[in-house]
Each structure stands twice: as C-alpha cells, then as structure tokens.
Amino acid sequence: MSVQTLMNRLLQTALVFITLVSSAFASNDLVNATLSLSPQFCITTQPDQSCEVELELKWQTQTSQTVCLMSDHQSLTHWCAPSEEIHSYAVNVSTNRDIQFMLIDKETNQTLATKKLKITPTAEPKYRSRYQKPWSLF
C-alpha cells in the first residue's frame, strides 16, 4: 500500500468521523429543554455531614413529551412522569455528596438536560500545615 493511498483512506475516515460528530451535535442543538433545580446548593457545617433537603426539579421542553428523571444517587435512580402535562417533581434527599440529575425523553432515551446539586461544607477539613507561617517565632 502506497503512502498516497494510505493518506486518502485516512482523509476519508476523518471526514466520515467529522460528519458523524457534527450531526450528533446538530441533533442535540434541536432539543431545547431546560431543567431547573431548587435549591442548587446545600451547605453543611462539616465536610462529611449529610445534607437533608427537599428538592424541586422543574423542566420545560420545546415539544410536548413524556420525560424521565435519572440521577447518580442510590435512592433516586429513576422516575418517569405519568403524562406530558407534568413539568415538576419534588423529592426529599439525604446525601453527603453531589448529585447529578438528567432529564431524559421517555421514548428515545435521549438526554435533554442536566443539573447538579452541589454539597458545600462551610468548615475546611482539619489538617496540619506542612510549612510554618512566616510570622512564627518558634
């Protein structure tokens, strides 16, 4: 196989790849959905403290469609709206780590939108500084 033939095949493969990637991004651009989360943050007093909060998720889609909510939290893995008219979901959560929520089209399983609940501790972790402060006399 000559270098010219190899270069032509490589160029063809790259063009096919670029076409596939651009069509995937174009199809995602057609999906205009928004997902909102309230509250978006949960503040704890200790780094490993559990956060207990009632979350309200609201969404809007450009077209009428039945959606499902998925998350990476163990107890909240999957919930589907019973009809197209439902546009919100409330749930009590107890967690000590961030939770990622995804809004998914029930028929196509396409991800429409994502949102993350952030857990933020107010206290910094206790650790001893390796270096002494510059003003220390000892």
C-alpha atoms as a PDB file:
ATOM      1  CA  MET A   1       0.000   0.000   0.000  1.00  0.00           C
ATOM      2  CA  SER A   2       1.447   3.318  -1.032  1.00  0.00           C
ATOM      3  CA  VAL A   3       1.672   6.387   1.155  1.00  0.00           C
ATOM      4  CA  GLN A   4      -0.749   8.250  -1.131  1.00  0.00           C
ATOM      5  CA  THR A   5      -3.405   5.508  -0.776  1.00  0.00           C
ATOM      6  CA  LEU A   6      -2.946   5.439   2.974  1.00  0.00           C
ATOM      7  CA  MET A   7      -3.316   9.222   3.183  1.00  0.00           C
ATOM      8  CA  ASN A   8      -6.503   9.122   1.057  1.00  0.00           C
ATOM      9  CA  ARG A   9      -8.063   6.471   3.319  1.00  0.00           C
ATOM     10  CA  LEU A  10      -7.079   8.405   6.421  1.00  0.00           C
ATOM     11  CA  LEU A  11      -8.623  11.564   4.972  1.00  0.00           C
ATOM     12  CA  GLN A  12     -11.851   9.718   4.092  1.00  0.00           C
ATOM     13  CA  THR A  13     -12.061   8.243   7.597  1.00  0.00           C
ATOM     14  CA  ALA A  14     -11.506  11.661   9.153  1.00  0.00           C
ATOM     15  CA  LEU A  15     -14.242  13.213   7.003  1.00  0.00           C
ATOM     16  CA  VAL A  16     -16.714  10.472   7.957  1.00  0.00           C
ATOM     17  CA  PHE A  17     -15.864  10.955  11.632  1.00  0.00           C
ATOM     18  CA  ILE A  18     -16.299  14.748  11.409  1.00  0.00           C
ATOM     19  CA  THR A  19     -19.645  14.303   9.639  1.00  0.00           C
ATOM     20  CA  LEU A  20     -20.908  11.904  12.308  1.00  0.00           C
ATOM     21  CA  VAL A  21     -19.778  14.129  15.171  1.00  0.00           C
ATOM     22  CA  SER A  22     -21.271  17.277  13.641  1.00  0.00           C
ATOM     23  CA  SER A  23     -24.604  15.539  13.002  1.00  0.00           C
ATOM     24  CA  ALA A  24     -24.680  14.351  16.620  1.00  0.00           C
ATOM     25  CA  PHE A  25     -24.110  17.903  17.859  1.00  0.00           C
ATOM     26  CA  ALA A  26     -26.695  19.243  15.419  1.00  0.00           C
ATOM     27  CA  SER A  27     -29.331  16.812  16.707  1.00  0.00           C
ATOM     28  CA  ASN A  28     -28.576  17.888  20.297  1.00  0.00           C
ATOM     29  CA  ASP A  29     -28.999  21.528  19.299  1.00  0.00           C
ATOM     30  CA  LEU A  30     -32.558  20.773  18.150  1.00  0.00           C
ATOM     31  CA  VAL A  31     -33.503  19.658  21.652  1.00  0.00           C
ATOM     32  CA  ASN A  32     -34.395  22.790  23.545  1.00  0.00           C
ATOM     33  CA  ALA A  33     -35.123  21.668  27.069  1.00  0.00           C
ATOM     34  CA  THR A  34     -34.324  23.305  30.365  1.00  0.00           C
ATOM     35  CA  LEU A  35     -34.069  21.725  33.789  1.00  0.00           C
ATOM     36  CA  SER A  36     -34.023  23.796  36.959  1.00  0.00           C
ATOM     37  CA  LEU A  37     -33.215  22.643  40.461  1.00  0.00           C
ATOM     38  CA  SER A  38     -34.188  24.392  43.664  1.00  0.00           C
ATOM     39  CA  PRO A  39     -32.123  24.686  45.787  1.00  0.00           C
ATOM     40  CA  GLN A  40     -28.968  24.239  43.712  1.00  0.00           C
ATOM     41  CA  PHE A  41     -26.651  24.129  46.750  1.00  0.00           C
ATOM     42  CA  CYS A  42     -26.775  22.545  50.162  1.00  0.00           C
ATOM     43  CA  ILE A  43     -24.419  23.973  52.773  1.00  0.00           C
ATOM     44  CA  THR A  44     -23.238  21.741  55.604  1.00  0.00           C
ATOM     45  CA  THR A  45     -21.206  22.614  58.697  1.00  0.00           C
ATOM     46  CA  GLN A  46     -18.809  19.644  58.442  1.00  0.00           C
ATOM     47  CA  PRO A  47     -17.135  18.069  55.368  1.00  0.00           C
ATOM     48  CA  ASP A  48     -18.747  14.615  55.792  1.00  0.00           C
ATOM     49  CA  GLN A  49     -22.077  15.806  57.181  1.00  0.00           C
ATOM     50  CA  SER A  50     -25.209  14.619  55.412  1.00  0.00           C
ATOM     51  CA  CYS A  51     -27.428  17.201  53.775  1.00  0.00           C
ATOM     52  CA  GLU A  52     -31.185  16.738  54.109  1.00  0.00           C
ATOM     53  CA  VAL A  53     -33.194  18.920  51.744  1.00  0.00           C
ATOM     54  CA  GLU A  54     -36.406  18.930  49.735  1.00  0.00           C
ATOM     55  CA  LEU A  55     -35.541  19.368  46.073  1.00  0.00           C
ATOM     56  CA  GLU A  56     -37.860  20.668  43.412  1.00  0.00           C
ATOM     57  CA  LEU A  57     -36.999  19.882  39.822  1.00  0.00           C
ATOM     58  CA  LYS A  58     -38.826  21.773  37.062  1.00  0.00           C
ATOM     59  CA  TRP A  59     -38.436  21.384  33.337  1.00  0.00           C
ATOM     60  CA  GLN A  60     -39.633  22.796  30.064  1.00  0.00           C
ATOM     61  CA  THR A  61     -39.397  21.196  26.656  1.00  0.00           C
ATOM     62  CA  GLN A  62     -39.993  22.734  23.259  1.00  0.00           C
ATOM     63  CA  THR A  63     -42.379  19.948  22.260  1.00  0.00           C
ATOM     64  CA  SER A  64     -44.872  18.002  24.374  1.00  0.00           C
ATOM     65  CA  GLN A  65     -43.195  14.823  25.507  1.00  0.00           C
ATOM     66  CA  THR A  66     -43.127  12.467  28.452  1.00  0.00           C
ATOM     67  CA  VAL A  67     -39.845  12.647  30.323  1.00  0.00           C
ATOM     68  CA  CYS A  68     -37.962  10.712  32.968  1.00  0.00           C
ATOM     69  CA  LEU A  69     -35.557  11.927  35.633  1.00  0.00           C
ATOM     70  CA  MET A  70     -32.445   9.943  36.448  1.00  0.00           C
ATOM     71  CA  SER A  71     -29.710  10.607  38.967  1.00  0.00           C
ATOM     72  CA  ASP A  72     -26.484   9.090  40.224  1.00  0.00           C
ATOM     73  CA  HIS A  73     -27.879   8.907  43.779  1.00  0.00           C
ATOM     74  CA  GLN A  74     -28.654   5.389  45.053  1.00  0.00           C
ATOM     75  CA  SER A  75     -32.194   6.026  46.283  1.00  0.00           C
ATOM     76  CA  LEU A  76     -33.232   8.337  43.403  1.00  0.00           C
ATOM     77  CA  THR A  77     -32.139   6.392  40.376  1.00  0.00           C
ATOM     78  CA  HIS A  78     -35.224   6.677  38.124  1.00  0.00           C
ATOM     79  CA  TRP A  79     -38.598   8.471  37.959  1.00  0.00           C
ATOM     80  CA  CYS A  80     -40.872   8.945  34.925  1.00  0.00           C
ATOM     81  CA  ALA A  81     -43.642  11.494  34.572  1.00  0.00           C
ATOM     82  CA  PRO A  82     -47.039   9.813  34.150  1.00  0.00           C
ATOM     83  CA  SER A  83     -48.100  12.293  31.424  1.00  0.00           C
ATOM     84  CA  GLU A  84     -46.871  15.106  29.195  1.00  0.00           C
ATOM     85  CA  GLU A  85     -48.617  17.706  31.360  1.00  0.00           C
ATOM     86  CA  ILE A  86     -46.328  17.079  34.359  1.00  0.00           C
ATOM     87  CA  HIS A  87     -43.432  19.568  34.462  1.00  0.00           C
ATOM     88  CA  SER A  88     -42.138  19.321  38.043  1.00  0.00           C
ATOM     89  CA  TYR A  89     -41.084  16.786  40.631  1.00  0.00           C
ATOM     90  CA  ALA A  90     -40.381  17.225  44.352  1.00  0.00           C
ATOM     91  CA  VAL A  91     -38.334  14.796  46.425  1.00  0.00           C
ATOM     92  CA  ASN A  92     -36.645  14.691  49.833  1.00  0.00           C
ATOM     93  CA  VAL A  93     -32.949  13.890  49.641  1.00  0.00           C
ATOM     94  CA  SER A  94     -30.357  12.939  52.218  1.00  0.00           C
ATOM     95  CA  THR A  95     -26.812  12.910  50.855  1.00  0.00           C
ATOM     96  CA  ASN A  96     -23.235  13.895  51.651  1.00  0.00           C
ATOM     97  CA  ARG A  97     -22.070  14.142  48.034  1.00  0.00           C
ATOM     98  CA  ASP A  98     -23.086  15.987  44.857  1.00  0.00           C
ATOM     99  CA  ILE A  99     -25.997  14.564  42.847  1.00  0.00           C
ATOM    100  CA  GLN A 100     -26.226  14.788  39.056  1.00  0.00           C
ATOM    101  CA  PHE A 101     -29.788  14.867  37.620  1.00  0.00           C
ATOM    102  CA  MET A 102     -30.623  14.120  33.977  1.00  0.00           C
ATOM    103  CA  LEU A 103     -33.842  14.858  32.116  1.00  0.00           C
ATOM    104  CA  ILE A 104     -34.422  12.124  29.530  1.00  0.00           C
ATOM    105  CA  ASP A 105     -37.002  11.673  26.772  1.00  0.00           C
ATOM    106  CA  LYS A 106     -39.022   8.582  27.736  1.00  0.00           C
ATOM    107  CA  GLU A 107     -39.447   7.356  24.146  1.00  0.00           C
ATOM    108  CA  THR A 108     -35.982   7.945  22.697  1.00  0.00           C
ATOM    109  CA  ASN A 109     -33.870   7.807  25.899  1.00  0.00           C
ATOM    110  CA  GLN A 110     -32.117  10.974  24.688  1.00  0.00           C
ATOM    111  CA  THR A 111     -30.676  13.218  27.396  1.00  0.00           C
ATOM    112  CA  LEU A 112     -32.450  16.574  27.180  1.00  0.00           C
ATOM    113  CA  ALA A 113     -30.844  18.488  30.069  1.00  0.00           C
ATOM    114  CA  THR A 114     -28.713  18.004  33.189  1.00  0.00           C
ATOM    115  CA  LYS A 115     -28.364  19.776  36.535  1.00  0.00           C
ATOM    116  CA  LYS A 116     -26.217  19.152  39.613  1.00  0.00           C
ATOM    117  CA  LEU A 117     -26.981  19.583  43.313  1.00  0.00           C
ATOM    118  CA  LYS A 118     -23.752  20.746  44.954  1.00  0.00           C
ATOM    119  CA  ILE A 119     -22.941  19.919  48.571  1.00  0.00           C
ATOM    120  CA  THR A 120     -20.703  22.599  50.093  1.00  0.00           C
ATOM    121  CA  PRO A 121     -19.194  22.337  53.598  1.00  0.00           C
ATOM    122  CA  THR A 122     -18.569  25.602  55.440  1.00  0.00           C
ATOM    123  CA  ALA A 123     -15.788  24.163  57.604  1.00  0.00           C
ATOM    124  CA  GLU A 124     -12.485  23.423  55.959  1.00  0.00           C
ATOM    125  CA  PRO A 125     -11.007  19.975  56.553  1.00  0.00           C
ATOM    126  CA  LYS A 126      -8.683  19.857  59.535  1.00  0.00           C
ATOM    127  CA  TYR A 127      -5.110  19.302  58.528  1.00  0.00           C
ATOM    128  CA  ARG A 128      -1.779  20.493  59.743  1.00  0.00           C
ATOM    129  CA  SER A 129       0.122  22.831  57.533  1.00  0.00           C
ATOM    130  CA  ARG A 130       3.403  21.404  56.357  1.00  0.00           C
ATOM    131  CA  TYR A 131       5.097  24.757  56.492  1.00  0.00           C
ATOM    132  CA  GLN A 132       5.136  27.177  59.354  1.00  0.00           C
ATOM    133  CA  LYS A 133       3.702  30.615  58.953  1.00  0.00           C
ATOM    134  CA  PRO A 134       6.265  33.296  58.072  1.00  0.00           C
ATOM    135  CA  TRP A 135       5.466  35.309  61.209  1.00  0.00           C
ATOM    136  CA  SER A 136       6.003  32.415  63.619  1.00  0.00           C
ATOM    137  CA  LEU A 137       8.795  32.962  66.154  1.00  0.00           C
ATOM    138  CA  PHE A 138       9.193  29.290  67.070  1.00  0.00           C
END
